[in-house]
N, C-alpha and C. Protein backbone atom coordinates (compact mmCIF):
# COMPACT_ATOMS: atom_id res chain seq x y z
N MET A 1 92.19 45.06 73.92
CA MET A 1 93.34 45.60 73.23
C MET A 1 93.34 45.20 71.76
N THR A 2 92.76 44.06 71.45
CA THR A 2 92.69 43.63 70.07
C THR A 2 91.98 44.66 69.21
N ALA A 3 90.94 45.25 69.74
CA ALA A 3 90.17 46.24 68.98
C ALA A 3 91.03 47.45 68.61
N HIS A 4 91.95 47.85 69.47
CA HIS A 4 92.81 49.00 69.16
C HIS A 4 93.72 48.69 67.97
N ALA A 5 94.39 47.57 67.99
CA ALA A 5 95.30 47.22 66.90
C ALA A 5 94.53 47.11 65.59
N ARG A 6 93.36 46.48 65.64
CA ARG A 6 92.56 46.29 64.44
C ARG A 6 92.07 47.63 63.89
N SER A 7 91.57 48.50 64.76
CA SER A 7 91.05 49.79 64.28
C SER A 7 92.17 50.67 63.74
N ILE A 8 93.35 50.63 64.35
CA ILE A 8 94.48 51.41 63.85
C ILE A 8 94.92 50.86 62.50
N PHE A 9 95.04 49.54 62.38
CA PHE A 9 95.43 48.93 61.10
C PHE A 9 94.45 49.32 59.99
N LYS A 10 93.16 49.27 60.28
CA LYS A 10 92.15 49.61 59.27
C LYS A 10 92.19 51.08 58.88
N ALA A 11 92.68 51.94 59.77
CA ALA A 11 92.75 53.38 59.48
C ALA A 11 94.01 53.79 58.72
N LEU A 12 94.98 52.89 58.57
CA LEU A 12 96.26 53.24 57.95
C LEU A 12 96.23 53.48 56.44
N PRO A 13 95.51 52.68 55.64
CA PRO A 13 95.63 52.83 54.18
C PRO A 13 95.38 54.25 53.68
N GLY A 14 96.20 54.63 52.70
CA GLY A 14 96.09 55.95 52.10
C GLY A 14 97.34 56.78 52.32
N ALA A 15 97.21 58.06 51.99
CA ALA A 15 98.35 58.99 52.01
C ALA A 15 98.36 59.81 53.31
N TRP A 16 99.57 60.08 53.79
CA TRP A 16 99.79 60.82 55.02
C TRP A 16 100.88 61.87 54.80
N MET A 17 100.78 62.98 55.49
CA MET A 17 101.86 63.97 55.54
C MET A 17 102.77 63.55 56.70
N LEU A 18 104.08 63.64 56.49
CA LEU A 18 105.05 63.16 57.46
C LEU A 18 106.00 64.28 57.86
N CYS A 19 106.17 64.46 59.16
CA CYS A 19 107.15 65.40 59.72
C CYS A 19 107.94 64.66 60.79
N ARG A 20 109.26 64.61 60.63
CA ARG A 20 110.11 63.91 61.59
C ARG A 20 111.16 64.86 62.14
N GLU A 21 111.29 64.88 63.45
CA GLU A 21 112.35 65.62 64.12
C GLU A 21 113.44 64.63 64.51
N ILE A 22 114.67 65.01 64.29
CA ILE A 22 115.81 64.13 64.57
C ILE A 22 116.76 64.85 65.52
N ASN A 23 117.18 64.15 66.57
CA ASN A 23 118.18 64.69 67.47
C ASN A 23 119.24 63.61 67.67
N ASP A 24 120.33 63.73 66.91
CA ASP A 24 121.41 62.75 66.92
C ASP A 24 122.57 63.33 67.72
N MET A 25 123.02 62.62 68.74
CA MET A 25 124.08 63.13 69.62
C MET A 25 125.41 63.30 68.87
N ARG A 26 125.59 62.58 67.76
CA ARG A 26 126.82 62.70 66.99
C ARG A 26 126.70 63.70 65.85
N LEU A 27 125.55 63.70 65.16
CA LEU A 27 125.39 64.51 63.96
C LEU A 27 124.62 65.80 64.17
N GLY A 28 123.96 65.94 65.31
CA GLY A 28 123.20 67.15 65.59
C GLY A 28 121.72 66.97 65.30
N THR A 29 121.03 68.09 65.17
CA THR A 29 119.59 68.04 64.92
C THR A 29 119.31 68.01 63.43
N GLY A 30 118.13 67.55 63.11
CA GLY A 30 117.74 67.48 61.71
C GLY A 30 116.24 67.27 61.59
N SER A 31 115.82 67.06 60.36
CA SER A 31 114.40 66.84 60.10
C SER A 31 114.22 66.05 58.81
N PHE A 32 113.02 65.50 58.69
CA PHE A 32 112.61 64.82 57.47
C PHE A 32 111.19 65.27 57.22
N ALA A 33 110.92 65.75 56.03
CA ALA A 33 109.57 66.20 55.66
C ALA A 33 109.20 65.56 54.34
N GLY A 34 107.99 65.02 54.30
CA GLY A 34 107.56 64.38 53.06
C GLY A 34 106.20 63.75 53.22
N THR A 35 106.04 62.61 52.55
CA THR A 35 104.77 61.89 52.59
C THR A 35 105.02 60.42 52.88
N GLY A 36 104.00 59.80 53.42
CA GLY A 36 104.01 58.37 53.64
C GLY A 36 102.71 57.81 53.09
N ALA A 37 102.76 56.58 52.62
CA ALA A 37 101.55 55.95 52.09
C ALA A 37 101.52 54.47 52.48
N PHE A 38 100.34 54.02 52.91
CA PHE A 38 100.10 52.62 53.22
C PHE A 38 99.23 52.06 52.11
N SER A 39 99.71 50.99 51.47
CA SER A 39 98.92 50.37 50.40
C SER A 39 98.78 48.87 50.66
N ALA A 40 97.59 48.36 50.32
CA ALA A 40 97.25 46.96 50.59
C ALA A 40 98.08 46.02 49.71
N GLU A 41 98.55 44.95 50.32
CA GLU A 41 99.28 43.88 49.64
C GLU A 41 98.34 42.68 49.48
N PRO A 42 98.60 41.80 48.52
CA PRO A 42 97.72 40.64 48.30
C PRO A 42 97.56 39.74 49.53
N ASP A 43 98.57 39.70 50.41
CA ASP A 43 98.49 38.82 51.58
C ASP A 43 97.76 39.46 52.77
N GLY A 44 97.20 40.67 52.59
CA GLY A 44 96.46 41.33 53.66
C GLY A 44 97.29 42.28 54.50
N THR A 45 98.59 42.34 54.25
CA THR A 45 99.44 43.30 54.96
C THR A 45 99.39 44.64 54.24
N LEU A 46 100.05 45.62 54.83
CA LEU A 46 100.16 46.94 54.21
C LEU A 46 101.63 47.26 53.97
N LEU A 47 101.93 47.73 52.77
CA LEU A 47 103.26 48.23 52.46
C LEU A 47 103.28 49.71 52.78
N TYR A 48 104.19 50.11 53.67
CA TYR A 48 104.35 51.52 54.01
C TYR A 48 105.59 52.03 53.30
N GLU A 49 105.43 53.12 52.54
CA GLU A 49 106.55 53.75 51.85
C GLU A 49 106.54 55.24 52.17
N GLU A 50 107.71 55.75 52.54
CA GLU A 50 107.82 57.19 52.77
C GLU A 50 108.92 57.76 51.90
N GLN A 51 108.73 59.01 51.52
CA GLN A 51 109.75 59.72 50.74
C GLN A 51 109.67 61.19 51.08
N GLY A 52 110.82 61.85 50.99
CA GLY A 52 110.85 63.26 51.31
C GLY A 52 112.27 63.78 51.32
N LYS A 53 112.44 64.89 52.03
CA LYS A 53 113.74 65.54 52.11
C LYS A 53 114.29 65.41 53.52
N LEU A 54 115.52 64.89 53.61
CA LEU A 54 116.22 64.73 54.87
C LEU A 54 117.25 65.83 55.03
N THR A 55 117.25 66.44 56.22
CA THR A 55 118.25 67.43 56.60
C THR A 55 118.87 66.94 57.90
N LEU A 56 120.17 66.67 57.88
CA LEU A 56 120.84 66.19 59.08
C LEU A 56 122.30 66.60 59.02
N GLY A 57 122.72 67.41 59.99
CA GLY A 57 124.07 67.96 59.95
C GLY A 57 124.22 68.79 58.68
N ALA A 58 125.29 68.53 57.92
CA ALA A 58 125.52 69.28 56.68
C ALA A 58 124.82 68.64 55.48
N TRP A 59 124.19 67.49 55.68
CA TRP A 59 123.59 66.78 54.55
C TRP A 59 122.15 67.20 54.31
N ARG A 60 121.83 67.41 53.03
CA ARG A 60 120.48 67.75 52.59
C ARG A 60 120.20 66.93 51.34
N GLY A 61 119.08 66.25 51.31
CA GLY A 61 118.77 65.50 50.10
C GLY A 61 117.59 64.58 50.26
N PRO A 62 117.27 63.86 49.20
CA PRO A 62 116.12 62.96 49.23
C PRO A 62 116.40 61.73 50.09
N ALA A 63 115.33 61.19 50.66
CA ALA A 63 115.45 59.97 51.46
C ALA A 63 114.13 59.21 51.36
N TRP A 64 114.20 57.92 51.63
CA TRP A 64 112.99 57.10 51.59
C TRP A 64 113.23 55.86 52.43
N ARG A 65 112.13 55.17 52.79
CA ARG A 65 112.23 53.86 53.42
C ARG A 65 110.90 53.14 53.31
N ARG A 66 110.94 51.82 53.58
CA ARG A 66 109.76 50.96 53.43
C ARG A 66 109.67 50.01 54.61
N TRP A 67 108.43 49.69 55.01
CA TRP A 67 108.15 48.72 56.05
C TRP A 67 106.89 47.95 55.66
N ILE A 68 106.70 46.81 56.27
CA ILE A 68 105.47 46.04 56.12
C ILE A 68 104.72 46.11 57.46
N TYR A 69 103.44 46.47 57.41
CA TYR A 69 102.59 46.51 58.60
C TYR A 69 101.56 45.39 58.50
N ALA A 70 101.31 44.71 59.63
CA ALA A 70 100.34 43.62 59.67
C ALA A 70 99.56 43.68 60.97
N HIS A 71 98.31 43.24 60.92
CA HIS A 71 97.52 43.05 62.13
C HIS A 71 97.61 41.57 62.46
N GLU A 72 98.25 41.26 63.59
CA GLU A 72 98.47 39.87 63.99
C GLU A 72 98.00 39.70 65.43
N GLY A 73 96.91 38.96 65.62
CA GLY A 73 96.37 38.76 66.97
C GLY A 73 95.94 40.08 67.57
N ASN A 74 96.52 40.43 68.71
CA ASN A 74 96.17 41.69 69.36
C ASN A 74 97.23 42.77 69.13
N ALA A 75 98.06 42.60 68.09
CA ALA A 75 99.17 43.52 67.87
C ALA A 75 99.20 44.08 66.45
N LEU A 76 99.78 45.25 66.35
CA LEU A 76 100.15 45.84 65.07
C LEU A 76 101.64 45.56 64.93
N VAL A 77 102.00 44.76 63.94
CA VAL A 77 103.38 44.30 63.79
C VAL A 77 104.02 45.00 62.60
N VAL A 78 105.24 45.48 62.81
CA VAL A 78 106.03 46.11 61.75
C VAL A 78 107.16 45.16 61.39
N ARG A 79 107.28 44.89 60.08
CA ARG A 79 108.28 43.93 59.59
C ARG A 79 109.17 44.56 58.53
N TYR A 80 110.36 43.99 58.39
CA TYR A 80 111.28 44.40 57.33
C TYR A 80 110.78 43.87 55.99
N PRO A 81 110.77 44.70 54.95
CA PRO A 81 110.42 44.18 53.62
C PRO A 81 111.46 43.14 53.19
N GLY A 82 111.04 42.21 52.40
CA GLY A 82 111.98 41.20 51.91
C GLY A 82 112.07 40.02 52.85
N THR A 83 112.69 40.21 54.01
CA THR A 83 112.85 39.10 54.95
C THR A 83 111.61 38.85 55.80
N LEU A 84 110.81 39.88 55.99
CA LEU A 84 109.62 39.87 56.85
C LEU A 84 109.96 39.60 58.31
N ALA A 85 111.22 39.79 58.68
CA ALA A 85 111.61 39.67 60.09
C ALA A 85 110.90 40.77 60.88
N GLU A 86 110.53 40.44 62.11
CA GLU A 86 109.81 41.40 62.95
C GLU A 86 110.72 42.49 63.47
N LEU A 87 110.26 43.72 63.32
CA LEU A 87 110.94 44.88 63.90
C LEU A 87 110.25 45.26 65.20
N HIS A 88 108.92 45.43 65.16
CA HIS A 88 108.15 45.81 66.34
C HIS A 88 106.83 45.06 66.39
N SER A 89 106.35 44.83 67.59
CA SER A 89 105.02 44.28 67.83
C SER A 89 104.36 45.18 68.86
N PHE A 90 103.44 46.00 68.40
CA PHE A 90 102.79 46.99 69.26
C PHE A 90 101.43 46.48 69.74
N VAL A 91 101.25 46.40 71.05
CA VAL A 91 99.98 46.07 71.68
C VAL A 91 99.50 47.34 72.37
N PHE A 92 98.35 47.83 71.96
CA PHE A 92 97.87 49.15 72.37
C PHE A 92 96.99 49.10 73.61
N ALA A 93 97.03 50.18 74.36
CA ALA A 93 96.15 50.42 75.49
C ALA A 93 95.48 51.77 75.28
N ALA A 94 94.25 51.90 75.74
CA ALA A 94 93.51 53.15 75.59
C ALA A 94 94.13 54.24 76.46
N GLU A 95 94.08 55.46 75.95
CA GLU A 95 94.54 56.63 76.67
C GLU A 95 93.31 57.43 77.13
N PRO A 96 93.39 58.14 78.25
CA PRO A 96 92.25 58.95 78.70
C PRO A 96 91.83 60.01 77.67
N SER A 97 92.76 60.42 76.81
CA SER A 97 92.49 61.44 75.79
C SER A 97 91.61 60.93 74.65
N GLY A 98 91.40 59.60 74.61
CA GLY A 98 90.62 59.02 73.51
C GLY A 98 91.49 58.34 72.48
N GLY A 99 92.79 58.42 72.62
CA GLY A 99 93.70 57.76 71.70
C GLY A 99 94.13 56.40 72.24
N ALA A 100 95.20 55.87 71.68
CA ALA A 100 95.75 54.59 72.13
C ALA A 100 97.27 54.65 72.00
N VAL A 101 97.97 53.94 72.87
CA VAL A 101 99.43 53.98 72.86
C VAL A 101 100.00 52.58 73.10
N ALA A 102 101.18 52.34 72.51
CA ALA A 102 101.88 51.07 72.67
C ALA A 102 103.38 51.33 72.73
N HIS A 103 104.09 50.44 73.40
CA HIS A 103 105.55 50.51 73.50
C HIS A 103 106.14 49.17 73.07
N HIS A 104 107.34 49.24 72.49
CA HIS A 104 108.04 48.01 72.13
C HIS A 104 109.54 48.31 72.11
N VAL A 105 110.33 47.33 72.54
CA VAL A 105 111.79 47.44 72.52
C VAL A 105 112.32 46.42 71.51
N HIS A 106 113.17 46.90 70.61
CA HIS A 106 113.84 46.04 69.64
C HIS A 106 115.33 46.13 69.91
N VAL A 107 115.97 44.98 70.10
CA VAL A 107 117.41 44.94 70.32
C VAL A 107 118.05 44.37 69.07
N CYS A 108 119.04 45.12 68.55
CA CYS A 108 119.75 44.71 67.35
C CYS A 108 121.24 44.79 67.67
N GLY A 109 121.85 43.63 67.90
CA GLY A 109 123.25 43.64 68.31
C GLY A 109 123.37 44.33 69.66
N ALA A 110 124.23 45.33 69.73
CA ALA A 110 124.42 46.08 70.97
C ALA A 110 123.53 47.33 71.03
N ASP A 111 122.68 47.53 70.02
CA ASP A 111 121.83 48.71 69.97
C ASP A 111 120.42 48.39 70.46
N ARG A 112 119.83 49.36 71.13
CA ARG A 112 118.49 49.20 71.68
C ARG A 112 117.59 50.30 71.11
N TYR A 113 116.45 49.88 70.56
CA TYR A 113 115.47 50.79 69.97
C TYR A 113 114.21 50.78 70.83
N ASP A 114 114.02 51.82 71.62
CA ASP A 114 112.80 51.97 72.41
C ASP A 114 111.80 52.75 71.58
N ALA A 115 110.68 52.10 71.24
CA ALA A 115 109.70 52.72 70.34
C ALA A 115 108.38 52.93 71.08
N ARG A 116 107.74 54.03 70.74
CA ARG A 116 106.40 54.36 71.26
C ARG A 116 105.55 54.72 70.06
N PHE A 117 104.41 54.04 69.90
CA PHE A 117 103.48 54.28 68.80
C PHE A 117 102.18 54.78 69.43
N GLU A 118 101.73 55.92 68.97
CA GLU A 118 100.52 56.52 69.54
C GLU A 118 99.55 56.91 68.43
N ARG A 119 98.31 56.54 68.61
CA ARG A 119 97.24 57.06 67.75
C ARG A 119 96.49 58.08 68.59
N ARG A 120 96.54 59.32 68.15
CA ARG A 120 95.90 60.39 68.90
C ARG A 120 94.40 60.42 68.62
N ALA A 121 93.67 61.08 69.49
CA ALA A 121 92.22 61.15 69.36
C ALA A 121 91.79 61.78 68.03
N ASP A 122 92.64 62.65 67.47
CA ASP A 122 92.31 63.30 66.19
C ASP A 122 92.69 62.44 64.98
N GLY A 123 93.21 61.21 65.22
CA GLY A 123 93.58 60.31 64.14
C GLY A 123 95.03 60.40 63.71
N ALA A 124 95.76 61.42 64.18
CA ALA A 124 97.19 61.54 63.85
C ALA A 124 97.96 60.40 64.51
N LEU A 125 99.08 60.04 63.92
CA LEU A 125 99.94 58.98 64.45
C LEU A 125 101.28 59.56 64.85
N LEU A 126 101.79 59.14 65.98
CA LEU A 126 103.11 59.56 66.46
C LEU A 126 103.93 58.31 66.71
N LEU A 127 105.10 58.26 66.10
CA LEU A 127 106.04 57.17 66.33
C LEU A 127 107.33 57.80 66.84
N ALA A 128 107.69 57.48 68.08
CA ALA A 128 108.87 58.07 68.72
C ALA A 128 109.88 56.98 69.03
N TYR A 129 111.15 57.26 68.76
CA TYR A 129 112.23 56.32 69.02
C TYR A 129 113.29 56.99 69.88
N GLU A 130 113.85 56.20 70.79
CA GLU A 130 115.09 56.55 71.46
C GLU A 130 116.03 55.38 71.22
N VAL A 131 117.12 55.65 70.53
CA VAL A 131 118.06 54.60 70.13
C VAL A 131 119.36 54.81 70.88
N THR A 132 119.83 53.75 71.55
CA THR A 132 121.07 53.82 72.30
C THR A 132 121.92 52.61 71.97
N GLY A 133 123.21 52.79 72.06
CA GLY A 133 124.15 51.71 71.80
C GLY A 133 125.55 52.28 71.76
N PRO A 134 126.54 51.43 71.55
CA PRO A 134 127.92 51.90 71.54
C PRO A 134 128.21 52.93 70.46
N ALA A 135 127.53 52.82 69.32
CA ALA A 135 127.78 53.76 68.22
C ALA A 135 126.56 54.60 67.87
N LYS A 136 125.47 54.45 68.64
CA LYS A 136 124.24 55.17 68.31
C LYS A 136 123.68 55.86 69.54
N ALA A 137 123.20 57.06 69.32
CA ALA A 137 122.52 57.82 70.38
C ALA A 137 121.68 58.89 69.68
N TYR A 138 120.42 58.54 69.40
CA TYR A 138 119.56 59.52 68.75
C TYR A 138 118.10 59.32 69.13
N ARG A 139 117.33 60.37 68.87
CA ARG A 139 115.89 60.35 69.08
C ARG A 139 115.20 60.79 67.80
N LEU A 140 114.11 60.09 67.48
CA LEU A 140 113.28 60.46 66.33
C LEU A 140 111.84 60.62 66.81
N ASN A 141 111.18 61.65 66.36
CA ASN A 141 109.76 61.83 66.59
C ASN A 141 109.11 62.05 65.23
N THR A 142 108.25 61.11 64.84
CA THR A 142 107.60 61.18 63.54
C THR A 142 106.11 61.38 63.74
N LEU A 143 105.57 62.42 63.12
CA LEU A 143 104.14 62.70 63.18
C LEU A 143 103.55 62.50 61.80
N LEU A 144 102.54 61.65 61.71
CA LEU A 144 101.82 61.41 60.46
C LEU A 144 100.41 61.97 60.62
N THR A 145 100.04 62.85 59.69
CA THR A 145 98.69 63.40 59.66
C THR A 145 98.11 63.13 58.29
N ARG A 146 96.81 62.90 58.25
CA ARG A 146 96.14 62.53 57.02
C ARG A 146 96.20 63.68 56.01
N LEU A 147 96.54 63.36 54.75
CA LEU A 147 96.54 64.35 53.67
C LEU A 147 95.12 64.64 53.24
């Protein structure tokens, strides 16, 4: 499994096209379209930055976010910028299709983030979330393809 996390981490740097589908039980359906880029940091991690246009309910406009990605042991770890607190630790298993997949659950207060990270055989990345909690109920499917 270590080889999967390492090979995925090594394949991340550079620019990606990003398409996200959003299904929010309160706000309705939406989408995010734009680009994402992974760039090397001096400490060996990768800074991930995305920017694009968000459409959700009646709102339309620019949006962005940032994460830190690291290869740690047998996992691909996603951390919050600034605090470096862990968001996800993905340990991958091979898929019969030639790709690799990992699951991780992050609990934040009363909210639960079920995440699935998949590297497809064609090199595309899929990150899917199902978020549940007293004030949250939404699904995100993000597809990253190489530019």
